[in-house]
């Protein structure tokens, strides 16, 4: 874990082997957008390309709803 931000555990996702196996085919395109991962206590997961982006998603979730 890199930090806990407003109840979300944020860490660098590239260190996980599972992520590497999933992204081997599209490493250049997919991994940049999912470099960081945030998980809250309820198990919700968010991905971002930077720590700043993860914090922004947590602070302004309505701007990032899909």
Protein backbone atom coordinates (compact mmCIF):
# COMPACT_ATOMS: atom_id res chain seq x y z
CA UNK A 1 0.00 0.00 0.00
CA UNK A 2 1.28 3.44 -0.92
CA UNK A 3 -1.23 5.43 1.13
CA UNK A 4 -4.69 5.48 2.66
CA UNK A 5 -6.72 8.35 1.23
CA UNK A 6 -10.20 8.97 2.66
CA UNK A 7 -10.66 5.27 3.46
CA UNK A 8 -9.23 4.00 0.18
CA UNK A 9 -6.05 1.92 0.14
CA UNK A 10 -4.06 3.07 -2.87
CA UNK A 11 -1.15 1.11 -4.29
CA UNK A 12 0.93 0.69 -7.40
CA UNK A 13 -0.60 -2.12 -9.43
CA UNK A 14 2.34 -2.98 -11.71
CA UNK A 15 4.06 -5.00 -9.02
CA UNK A 16 1.37 -7.69 -9.11
CA UNK A 17 2.06 -10.72 -11.31
CA UNK A 18 -1.64 -11.22 -12.09
CA UNK A 19 -1.76 -7.80 -13.68
CA UNK A 20 1.24 -8.57 -15.86
CA UNK A 21 -0.32 -11.83 -17.08
CA UNK A 22 -3.59 -10.14 -17.97
CA UNK A 23 -1.92 -7.23 -19.73
CA UNK A 24 0.81 -9.03 -21.70
CA UNK A 25 -1.08 -8.73 -25.00
CA UNK A 26 -1.86 -5.02 -24.66
CA UNK A 27 0.81 -3.85 -22.23
CA UNK A 28 1.33 -0.45 -23.87
CA UNK A 29 -2.32 0.52 -24.21
CA UNK A 30 -3.97 -0.90 -21.09
CA UNK A 31 -1.34 -0.70 -18.37
CA UNK A 32 -0.91 3.07 -18.54
CA UNK A 33 -4.56 3.58 -17.61
CA UNK A 34 -4.48 1.00 -14.82
CA UNK A 35 -1.11 1.66 -13.23
CA UNK A 36 -2.64 2.58 -9.85
CA UNK A 37 -5.45 0.82 -8.01
CA UNK A 38 -7.61 1.98 -5.12
CA UNK A 39 -9.74 -0.33 -2.96
CA UNK A 40 -12.18 0.78 -0.28
CA UNK A 41 -13.42 -1.19 2.73
CA UNK A 42 -16.47 -2.43 0.81
CA UNK A 43 -14.29 -3.88 -1.94
CA UNK A 44 -14.97 -1.26 -4.61
CA UNK A 45 -12.03 -0.95 -6.99
CA UNK A 46 -10.93 2.04 -9.05
CA UNK A 47 -8.03 2.30 -11.47
CA UNK A 48 -6.03 5.29 -12.61
CA UNK A 49 -2.89 6.24 -14.44
CA UNK A 50 -1.50 8.28 -11.54
CA UNK A 51 -1.89 8.77 -7.82
CA UNK A 52 -3.32 12.22 -8.55
CA UNK A 53 -5.98 10.73 -10.83
CA UNK A 54 -7.00 8.18 -8.18
CA UNK A 55 -7.40 10.98 -5.62
CA UNK A 56 -9.46 12.99 -8.13
CA UNK A 57 -11.76 10.01 -8.76
CA UNK A 58 -12.26 9.60 -5.01
CA UNK A 59 -12.94 13.33 -4.50
CA UNK A 60 -15.22 13.76 -7.54
CA UNK A 61 -16.85 10.39 -8.30
CA UNK A 62 -19.71 11.91 -10.36
CA UNK A 63 -17.22 13.21 -12.92
CA UNK A 64 -15.91 9.68 -13.51
CA UNK A 65 -19.10 7.59 -13.61
CA UNK A 66 -19.34 5.44 -16.70
